[in-house]
PDB file of N, CA and C in Angstrom:
ATOM      1  N   MET A   1     114.115 136.209  42.880  1.00  0.00           N
ATOM      2  CA  MET A   1     114.939 134.990  42.813  1.00  0.00           C
ATOM      3  C   MET A   1     114.383 133.954  43.697  1.00  0.00           C
ATOM      4  N   PRO A   2     114.199 132.708  43.191  1.00  0.00           N
ATOM      5  CA  PRO A   2     113.680 131.643  44.037  1.00  0.00           C
ATOM      6  C   PRO A   2     114.639 131.318  45.161  1.00  0.00           C
ATOM      7  N   ALA A   3     114.038 130.837  46.255  1.00  0.00           N
ATOM      8  CA  ALA A   3     114.801 130.581  47.505  1.00  0.00           C
ATOM      9  C   ALA A   3     115.754 129.457  47.364  1.00  0.00           C
ATOM     10  N   ASP A   4     115.496 128.480  46.450  1.00  0.00           N
ATOM     11  CA  ASP A   4     116.320 127.302  46.323  1.00  0.00           C
ATOM     12  C   ASP A   4     117.456 127.460  45.267  1.00  0.00           C
ATOM     13  N   SER A   5     117.548 128.618  44.610  1.00  0.00           N
ATOM     14  CA  SER A   5     118.607 128.760  43.621  1.00  0.00           C
ATOM     15  C   SER A   5     119.913 129.198  44.354  1.00  0.00           C
ATOM     16  N   PRO A   6     121.032 128.623  43.912  1.00  0.00           N
ATOM     17  CA  PRO A   6     122.318 128.904  44.628  1.00  0.00           C
ATOM     18  C   PRO A   6     122.763 130.343  44.319  1.00  0.00           C
ATOM     19  N   THR A   7     123.360 130.889  45.380  1.00  0.00           N
ATOM     20  CA  THR A   7     123.936 132.251  45.183  1.00  0.00           C
ATOM     21  C   THR A   7     125.243 132.147  44.460  1.00  0.00           C
ATOM     22  N   ILE A   8     125.861 133.301  44.080  1.00  0.00           N
ATOM     23  CA  ILE A   8     127.082 133.335  43.377  1.00  0.00           C
ATOM     24  C   ILE A   8     128.193 132.742  44.255  1.00  0.00           C
ATOM     25  N   ALA A   9     128.111 133.038  45.572  1.00  0.00           N
ATOM     26  CA  ALA A   9     129.156 132.507  46.481  1.00  0.00           C
ATOM     27  C   ALA A   9     129.052 131.012  46.541  1.00  0.00           C
ATOM     28  N   GLN A  10     127.842 130.453  46.581  1.00  0.00           N
ATOM     29  CA  GLN A  10     127.707 128.989  46.635  1.00  0.00           C
ATOM     30  C   GLN A  10     128.174 128.334  45.299  1.00  0.00           C
ATOM     31  N   GLN A  11     127.873 129.002  44.223  1.00  0.00           N
ATOM     32  CA  GLN A  11     128.360 128.462  42.938  1.00  0.00           C
ATOM     33  C   GLN A  11     129.905 128.530  42.877  1.00  0.00           C
ATOM     34  N   ALA A  12     130.500 129.610  43.364  1.00  0.00           N
ATOM     35  CA  ALA A  12     131.946 129.718  43.343  1.00  0.00           C
ATOM     36  C   ALA A  12     132.554 128.668  44.191  1.00  0.00           C
ATOM     37  N   ARG A  13     131.974 128.398  45.372  1.00  0.00           N
ATOM     38  CA  ARG A  13     132.486 127.342  46.266  1.00  0.00           C
ATOM     39  C   ARG A  13     132.346 125.936  45.628  1.00  0.00           C
ATOM     40  N   ALA A  14     131.263 125.713  44.932  1.00  0.00           N
ATOM     41  CA  ALA A  14     131.103 124.410  44.261  1.00  0.00           C
ATOM     42  C   ALA A  14     132.130 124.213  43.169  1.00  0.00           C
ATOM     43  N   VAL A  15     132.425 125.221  42.408  1.00  0.00           N
ATOM     44  CA  VAL A  15     133.472 125.136  41.366  1.00  0.00           C
ATOM     45  C   VAL A  15     134.822 124.935  42.038  1.00  0.00           C
ATOM     46  N   TYR A  16     135.063 125.663  43.126  1.00  0.00           N
ATOM     47  CA  TYR A  16     136.341 125.563  43.871  1.00  0.00           C
ATOM     48  C   TYR A  16     136.556 124.106  44.347  1.00  0.00           C
ATOM     49  N   TRP A  17     135.529 123.527  44.982  1.00  0.00           N
ATOM     50  CA  TRP A  17     135.721 122.172  45.515  1.00  0.00           C
ATOM     51  C   TRP A  17     135.848 121.153  44.377  1.00  0.00           C
ATOM     52  N   GLN A  18     135.230 121.342  43.241  1.00  0.00           N
ATOM     53  CA  GLN A  18     135.429 120.516  42.078  1.00  0.00           C
ATOM     54  C   GLN A  18     136.890 120.566  41.625  1.00  0.00           C
ATOM     55  N   ARG A  19     137.388 121.774  41.558  1.00  0.00           N
ATOM     56  CA  ARG A  19     138.801 121.916  41.116  1.00  0.00           C
ATOM     57  C   ARG A  19     139.765 121.340  42.165  1.00  0.00           C
ATOM     58  N   VAL A  20     139.488 121.465  43.446  1.00  0.00           N
ATOM     59  CA  VAL A  20     140.327 120.916  44.502  1.00  0.00           C
ATOM     60  C   VAL A  20     140.373 119.405  44.418  1.00  0.00           C
ATOM     61  N   LYS A  21     139.129 118.780  44.214  1.00  0.00           N
ATOM     62  CA  LYS A  21     139.103 117.339  44.048  1.00  0.00           C
ATOM     63  C   LYS A  21     139.875 116.850  42.854  1.00  0.00           C
ATOM     64  N   ARG A  22     139.754 117.579  41.723  1.00  0.00           N
ATOM     65  CA  ARG A  22     140.466 117.250  40.528  1.00  0.00           C
ATOM     66  C   ARG A  22     141.984 117.337  40.743  1.00  0.00           C
ATOM     67  N   LEU A  23     142.396 118.406  41.341  1.00  0.00           N
ATOM     68  CA  LEU A  23     143.848 118.572  41.656  1.00  0.00           C
ATOM     69  C   LEU A  23     144.373 117.468  42.564  1.00  0.00           C
ATOM     70  N   THR A  24     143.609 117.165  43.608  1.00  0.00           N
ATOM     71  CA  THR A  24     144.008 116.126  44.562  1.00  0.00           C
ATOM     72  C   THR A  24     144.111 114.779  43.822  1.00  0.00           C
ATOM     73  N   LEU A  25     143.151 114.439  43.033  1.00  0.00           N
ATOM     74  CA  LEU A  25     143.198 113.186  42.306  1.00  0.00           C
ATOM     75  C   LEU A  25     144.379 113.109  41.324  1.00  0.00           C
ATOM     76  N   LEU A  26     144.645 114.238  40.647  1.00  0.00           N
ATOM     77  CA  LEU A  26     145.765 114.266  39.686  1.00  0.00           C
ATOM     78  C   LEU A  26     147.080 114.057  40.397  1.00  0.00           C
ATOM     79  N   LEU A  27     147.285 114.747  41.537  1.00  0.00           N
ATOM     80  CA  LEU A  27     148.530 114.633  42.287  1.00  0.00           C
ATOM     81  C   LEU A  27     148.690 113.263  42.933  1.00  0.00           C
ATOM     82  N   LEU A  28     147.592 112.673  43.405  1.00  0.00           N
ATOM     83  CA  LEU A  28     147.615 111.331  43.945  1.00  0.00           C
ATOM     84  C   LEU A  28     147.997 110.341  42.823  1.00  0.00           C
ATOM     85  N   PHE A  29     147.481 110.543  41.635  1.00  0.00           N
ATOM     86  CA  PHE A  29     147.831 109.665  40.506  1.00  0.00           C
ATOM     87  C   PHE A  29     149.272 109.819  40.153  1.00  0.00           C
ATOM     88  N   ALA A  30     149.751 111.043  40.171  1.00  0.00           N
ATOM     89  CA  ALA A  30     151.215 111.252  39.919  1.00  0.00           C
ATOM     90  C   ALA A  30     152.075 110.578  40.980  1.00  0.00           C
ATOM     91  N   TRP A  31     151.657 110.731  42.216  1.00  0.00           N
ATOM     92  CA  TRP A  31     152.354 110.040  43.302  1.00  0.00           C
ATOM     93  C   TRP A  31     152.418 108.521  43.127  1.00  0.00           C
ATOM     94  N   PHE A  32     151.266 107.949  42.781  1.00  0.00           N
ATOM     95  CA  PHE A  32     151.173 106.516  42.565  1.00  0.00           C
ATOM     96  C   PHE A  32     152.074 106.105  41.387  1.00  0.00           C
ATOM     97  N   LEU A  33     151.971 106.807  40.275  1.00  0.00           N
ATOM     98  CA  LEU A  33     152.789 106.415  39.122  1.00  0.00           C
ATOM     99  C   LEU A  33     154.275 106.554  39.360  1.00  0.00           C
ATOM    100  N   LEU A  34     154.655 107.576  40.089  1.00  0.00           N
ATOM    101  CA  LEU A  34     156.070 107.768  40.466  1.00  0.00           C
ATOM    102  C   LEU A  34     156.556 106.635  41.343  1.00  0.00           C
ATOM    103  N   THR A  35     155.801 106.333  42.408  1.00  0.00           N
ATOM    104  CA  THR A  35     156.201 105.279  43.331  1.00  0.00           C
ATOM    105  C   THR A  35     156.191 103.917  42.646  1.00  0.00           C
ATOM    106  N   PHE A  36     155.100 103.599  41.998  1.00  0.00           N
ATOM    107  CA  PHE A  36     155.010 102.305  41.340  1.00  0.00           C
ATOM    108  C   PHE A  36     156.045 102.166  40.242  1.00  0.00           C
ATOM    109  N   GLY A  37     156.217 103.177  39.437  1.00  0.00           N
ATOM    110  CA  GLY A  37     157.176 103.162  38.295  1.00  0.00           C
ATOM    111  C   GLY A  37     158.637 102.923  38.768  1.00  0.00           C
ATOM    112  N   ILE A  38     159.043 103.655  39.766  1.00  0.00           N
ATOM    113  CA  ILE A  38     160.429 103.490  40.273  1.00  0.00           C
ATOM    114  C   ILE A  38     160.613 102.126  40.854  1.00  0.00           C
ATOM    115  N   LEU A  39     159.643 101.663  41.645  1.00  0.00           N
ATOM    116  CA  LEU A  39     159.810 100.351  42.308  1.00  0.00           C
ATOM    117  C   LEU A  39     159.711  99.192  41.318  1.00  0.00           C
ATOM    118  N   PHE A  40     158.785  99.347  40.375  1.00  0.00           N
ATOM    119  CA  PHE A  40     158.567  98.234  39.431  1.00  0.00           C
ATOM    120  C   PHE A  40     159.746  98.075  38.454  1.00  0.00           C
ATOM    121  N   PHE A  41     160.299  99.238  38.041  1.00  0.00           N
ATOM    122  CA  PHE A  41     161.405  99.203  37.097  1.00  0.00           C
ATOM    123  C   PHE A  41     162.768  99.396  37.749  1.00  0.00           C
ATOM    124  N   ALA A  42     162.896  99.029  39.001  1.00  0.00           N
ATOM    125  CA  ALA A  42     164.159  99.268  39.735  1.00  0.00           C
ATOM    126  C   ALA A  42     165.312  98.469  39.084  1.00  0.00           C
ATOM    127  N   ARG A  43     165.065  97.247  38.642  1.00  0.00           N
ATOM    128  CA  ARG A  43     166.190  96.469  38.046  1.00  0.00           C
ATOM    129  C   ARG A  43     166.637  97.100  36.764  1.00  0.00           C
ATOM    130  N   GLU A  44     165.730  97.569  35.967  1.00  0.00           N
ATOM    131  CA  GLU A  44     166.128  98.201  34.683  1.00  0.00           C
ATOM    132  C   GLU A  44     166.839  99.543  34.930  1.00  0.00           C
ATOM    133  N   LEU A  45     166.405 100.296  35.969  1.00  0.00           N
ATOM    134  CA  LEU A  45     167.011 101.573  36.281  1.00  0.00           C
ATOM    135  C   LEU A  45     168.389 101.415  36.892  1.00  0.00           C
ATOM    136  N   ALA A  46     168.672 100.223  37.427  1.00  0.00           N
ATOM    137  CA  ALA A  46     169.964  99.974  38.079  1.00  0.00           C
ATOM    138  C   ALA A  46     171.046  99.968  37.033  1.00  0.00           C
ATOM    139  N   ARG A  47     170.742  99.815  35.786  1.00  0.00           N
ATOM    140  CA  ARG A  47     171.802  99.840  34.755  1.00  0.00           C
ATOM    141  C   ARG A  47     172.469 101.179  34.621  1.00  0.00           C
ATOM    142  N   PHE A  48     171.711 102.223  34.940  1.00  0.00           N
ATOM    143  CA  PHE A  48     172.267 103.588  34.831  1.00  0.00           C
ATOM    144  C   PHE A  48     172.866 104.001  36.163  1.00  0.00           C
ATOM    145  N   THR A  49     173.943 104.754  36.077  1.00  0.00           N
ATOM    146  CA  THR A  49     174.594 105.221  37.315  1.00  0.00           C
ATOM    147  C   THR A  49     174.484 106.779  37.397  1.00  0.00           C
ATOM    148  N   LEU A  50     174.466 107.230  38.602  1.00  0.00           N
ATOM    149  CA  LEU A  50     174.436 108.669  38.894  1.00  0.00           C
ATOM    150  C   LEU A  50     175.387 108.905  40.045  1.00  0.00           C
ATOM    151  N   PHE A  51     176.477 109.621  39.817  1.00  0.00           N
ATOM    152  CA  PHE A  51     177.462 109.892  40.856  1.00  0.00           C
ATOM    153  C   PHE A  51     178.012 108.595  41.410  1.00  0.00           C
ATOM    154  N   GLY A  52     178.114 107.561  40.527  1.00  0.00           N
ATOM    155  CA  GLY A  52     178.736 106.315  40.973  1.00  0.00           C
ATOM    156  C   GLY A  52     177.739 105.346  41.643  1.00  0.00           C
ATOM    157  N   TRP A  53     176.535 105.715  41.820  1.00  0.00           N
ATOM    158  CA  TRP A  53     175.531 104.834  42.404  1.00  0.00           C
ATOM    159  C   TRP A  53     174.534 104.446  41.383  1.00  0.00           C
ATOM    160  N   PRO A  54     173.946 103.227  41.503  1.00  0.00           N
ATOM    161  CA  PRO A  54     172.898 102.837  40.576  1.00  0.00           C
ATOM    162  C   PRO A  54     171.759 103.824  40.682  1.00  0.00           C
ATOM    163  N   PHE A  55     171.082 104.151  39.566  1.00  0.00           N
ATOM    164  CA  PHE A  55     170.000 105.156  39.520  1.00  0.00           C
ATOM    165  C   PHE A  55     168.879 104.691  40.404  1.00  0.00           C
ATOM    166  N   SER A  56     168.553 103.420  40.439  1.00  0.00           N
ATOM    167  CA  SER A  56     167.424 102.986  41.260  1.00  0.00           C
ATOM    168  C   SER A  56     167.716 103.233  42.749  1.00  0.00           C
ATOM    169  N   PHE A  57     168.943 103.035  43.210  1.00  0.00           N
ATOM    170  CA  PHE A  57     169.295 103.306  44.606  1.00  0.00           C
ATOM    171  C   PHE A  57     169.184 104.831  44.870  1.00  0.00           C
ATOM    172  N   TYR A  58     169.694 105.597  43.958  1.00  0.00           N
ATOM    173  CA  TYR A  58     169.649 107.073  44.088  1.00  0.00           C
ATOM    174  C   TYR A  58     168.185 107.498  44.201  1.00  0.00           C
ATOM    175  N   MET A  59     167.292 106.984  43.299  1.00  0.00           N
ATOM    176  CA  MET A  59     165.890 107.352  43.360  1.00  0.00           C
ATOM    177  C   MET A  59     165.238 106.932  44.666  1.00  0.00           C
ATOM    178  N   ALA A  60     165.546 105.721  45.128  1.00  0.00           N
ATOM    179  CA  ALA A  60     164.945 105.286  46.363  1.00  0.00           C
ATOM    180  C   ALA A  60     165.445 106.063  47.566  1.00  0.00           C
ATOM    181  N   ALA A  61     166.740 106.437  47.578  1.00  0.00           N
ATOM    182  CA  ALA A  61     167.327 107.115  48.711  1.00  0.00           C
ATOM    183  C   ALA A  61     167.072 108.579  48.683  1.00  0.00           C
ATOM    184  N   GLN A  62     167.162 109.232  47.552  1.00  0.00           N
ATOM    185  CA  GLN A  62     167.062 110.711  47.485  1.00  0.00           C
ATOM    186  C   GLN A  62     165.990 111.226  46.479  1.00  0.00           C
ATOM    187  N   GLY A  63     165.984 110.627  45.368  1.00  0.00           N
ATOM    188  CA  GLY A  63     165.138 111.176  44.292  1.00  0.00           C
ATOM    189  C   GLY A  63     163.626 111.143  44.603  1.00  0.00           C
ATOM    190  N   MET A  64     163.161 110.040  45.208  1.00  0.00           N
ATOM    191  CA  MET A  64     161.747 109.928  45.506  1.00  0.00           C
ATOM    192  C   MET A  64     161.328 111.038  46.526  1.00  0.00           C
ATOM    193  N   VAL A  65     162.172 111.249  47.539  1.00  0.00           N
ATOM    194  CA  VAL A  65     161.875 112.260  48.500  1.00  0.00           C
ATOM    195  C   VAL A  65     161.758 113.615  47.836  1.00  0.00           C
ATOM    196  N   LEU A  66     162.635 113.939  46.925  1.00  0.00           N
ATOM    197  CA  LEU A  66     162.592 115.191  46.203  1.00  0.00           C
ATOM    198  C   LEU A  66     161.366 115.282  45.325  1.00  0.00           C
ATOM    199  N   MET A  67     161.013 114.181  44.703  1.00  0.00           N
ATOM    200  CA  MET A  67     159.778 114.171  43.860  1.00  0.00           C
ATOM    201  C   MET A  67     158.512 114.406  44.693  1.00  0.00           C
ATOM    202  N   TYR A  68     158.520 113.770  45.894  1.00  0.00           N
ATOM    203  CA  TYR A  68     157.307 113.943  46.761  1.00  0.00           C
ATOM    204  C   TYR A  68     157.275 115.399  47.247  1.00  0.00           C
ATOM    205  N   LEU A  69     158.445 115.961  47.530  1.00  0.00           N
ATOM    206  CA  LEU A  69     158.459 117.378  47.918  1.00  0.00           C
ATOM    207  C   LEU A  69     157.976 118.273  46.801  1.00  0.00           C
ATOM    208  N   LEU A  70     158.315 117.936  45.564  1.00  0.00           N
ATOM    209  CA  LEU A  70     157.826 118.665  44.393  1.00  0.00           C
ATOM    210  C   LEU A  70     156.303 118.570  44.282  1.00  0.00           C
ATOM    211  N   ILE A  71     155.733 117.415  44.570  1.00  0.00           N
ATOM    212  CA  ILE A  71     154.291 117.222  44.509  1.00  0.00           C
ATOM    213  C   ILE A  71     153.629 118.099  45.569  1.00  0.00           C
ATOM    214  N   VAL A  72     154.202 118.094  46.795  1.00  0.00           N
ATOM    215  CA  VAL A  72     153.619 118.904  47.858  1.00  0.00           C
ATOM    216  C   VAL A  72     153.737 120.401  47.531  1.00  0.00           C
ATOM    217  N   ALA A  73     154.844 120.837  46.982  1.00  0.00           N
ATOM    218  CA  ALA A  73     155.017 122.229  46.571  1.00  0.00           C
ATOM    219  C   ALA A  73     154.047 122.594  45.465  1.00  0.00           C
ATOM    220  N   CYS A  74     153.794 121.685  44.532  1.00  0.00           N
ATOM    221  CA  CYS A  74     152.836 121.920  43.473  1.00  0.00           C
ATOM    222  C   CYS A  74     151.461 122.074  44.056  1.00  0.00           C
ATOM    223  N   HIS A  75     151.095 121.226  44.999  1.00  0.00           N
ATOM    224  CA  HIS A  75     149.777 121.284  45.642  1.00  0.00           C
ATOM    225  C   HIS A  75     149.629 122.619  46.381  1.00  0.00           C
ATOM    226  N   ALA A  76     150.646 123.078  47.152  1.00  0.00           N
ATOM    227  CA  ALA A  76     150.543 124.294  47.888  1.00  0.00           C
ATOM    228  C   ALA A  76     150.387 125.464  46.896  1.00  0.00           C
ATOM    229  N   TRP A  77     151.179 125.484  45.828  1.00  0.00           N
ATOM    230  CA  TRP A  77     151.095 126.603  44.872  1.00  0.00           C
ATOM    231  C   TRP A  77     149.704 126.616  44.218  1.00  0.00           C
ATOM    232  N   CYS A  78     149.214 125.483  43.741  1.00  0.00           N
ATOM    233  CA  CYS A  78     147.882 125.413  43.091  1.00  0.00           C
ATOM    234  C   CYS A  78     146.780 125.791  44.062  1.00  0.00           C
ATOM    235  N   MET A  79     146.840 125.369  45.308  1.00  0.00           N
ATOM    236  CA  MET A  79     145.814 125.673  46.305  1.00  0.00           C
ATOM    237  C   MET A  79     145.797 127.198  46.589  1.00  0.00           C
ATOM    238  N   ARG A  80     146.967 127.772  46.704  1.00  0.00           N
ATOM    239  CA  ARG A  80     147.036 129.193  46.938  1.00  0.00           C
ATOM    240  C   ARG A  80     146.367 129.943  45.817  1.00  0.00           C
ATOM    241  N   ARG A  81     146.656 129.498  44.586  1.00  0.00           N
ATOM    242  CA  ARG A  81     146.054 130.131  43.419  1.00  0.00           C
ATOM    243  C   ARG A  81     144.534 129.967  43.431  1.00  0.00           C
ATOM    244  N   LEU A  82     144.064 128.739  43.709  1.00  0.00           N
ATOM    245  CA  LEU A  82     142.611 128.490  43.738  1.00  0.00           C
ATOM    246  C   LEU A  82     141.954 129.332  44.886  1.00  0.00           C
ATOM    247  N   ASP A  83     142.626 129.438  46.029  1.00  0.00           N
ATOM    248  CA  ASP A  83     142.055 130.234  47.097  1.00  0.00           C
ATOM    249  C   ASP A  83     141.904 131.693  46.699  1.00  0.00           C
ATOM    250  N   ARG A  84     142.904 132.227  46.005  1.00  0.00           N
ATOM    251  CA  ARG A  84     142.813 133.630  45.528  1.00  0.00           C
ATOM    252  C   ARG A  84     141.672 133.799  44.526  1.00  0.00           C
ATOM    253  N   ILE A  85     141.505 132.851  43.644  1.00  0.00           N
ATOM    254  CA  ILE A  85     140.418 132.923  42.655  1.00  0.00           C
ATOM    255  C   ILE A  85     139.066 132.875  43.376  1.00  0.00           C
ATOM    256  N   LEU A  86     138.935 131.971  44.378  1.00  0.00           N
ATOM    257  CA  LEU A  86     137.654 131.881  45.118  1.00  0.00           C
ATOM    258  C   LEU A  86     137.383 133.247  45.812  1.00  0.00           C
ATOM    259  N   LYS A  87     138.406 133.793  46.521  1.00  0.00           N
ATOM    260  CA  LYS A  87     138.230 135.012  47.187  1.00  0.00           C
ATOM    261  C   LYS A  87     137.807 136.126  46.265  1.00  0.00           C
ATOM    262  N   ASP A  88     138.416 136.175  45.064  1.00  0.00           N
ATOM    263  CA  ASP A  88     138.039 137.229  44.124  1.00  0.00           C
ATOM    264  C   ASP A  88     136.624 136.975  43.604  1.00  0.00           C
ATOM    265  N   ASP A  89     136.269 135.740  43.300  1.00  0.00           N
ATOM    266  CA  ASP A  89     134.910 135.466  42.804  1.00  0.00           C
ATOM    267  C   ASP A  89     133.835 135.822  43.830  1.00  0.00           C
ATOM    268  N   ILE A  90     134.076 135.520  45.066  1.00  0.00           N
ATOM    269  CA  ILE A  90     133.092 135.789  46.103  1.00  0.00           C
ATOM    270  C   ILE A  90     132.986 137.310  46.372  1.00  0.00           C
ATOM    271  N   SER A  91     134.140 137.966  46.451  1.00  0.00           N
ATOM    272  CA  SER A  91     134.102 139.460  46.698  1.00  0.00           C
ATOM    273  C   SER A  91     133.511 140.244  45.532  1.00  0.00           C
ATOM    274  N   HIS A  92     133.688 139.811  44.310  1.00  0.00           N
ATOM    275  CA  HIS A  92     133.127 140.500  43.171  1.00  0.00           C
ATOM    276  C   HIS A  92     131.686 140.115  42.916  1.00  0.00           C
ATOM    277  N   GLY A  93     131.322 138.968  43.368  1.00  0.00           N
ATOM    278  CA  GLY A  93     129.972 138.517  43.060  1.00  0.00           C
ATOM    279  C   GLY A  93     128.879 138.921  44.094  1.00  0.00           C
ATOM    280  N   CYS A  94     129.325 139.291  45.277  1.00  0.00           N
ATOM    281  CA  CYS A  94     128.294 139.607  46.302  1.00  0.00           C
ATOM    282  C   CYS A  94     128.033 141.073  46.369  1.00  0.00           C
TER     283      CYS A  94
END
């Protein structure tokens, strides 16, 4: 095997980091769309009420925080899954 060819572990790490970057960009895009969408359409969302409050107020006060928490939980779950995949790929490949 040539000295400059990547090992299985190096290839697995490269795929891992590609997936991590893709996941991070996807979740950052979701964060941006959520934040921008709620703020941009706040007047239109104020027409709807939830528990007696305008929906835009509810989203700004409570809903956005819950959505951000959901994004963080999704990131943690996906990263745990990717870490397990990388560990399995490295242990089976070496």
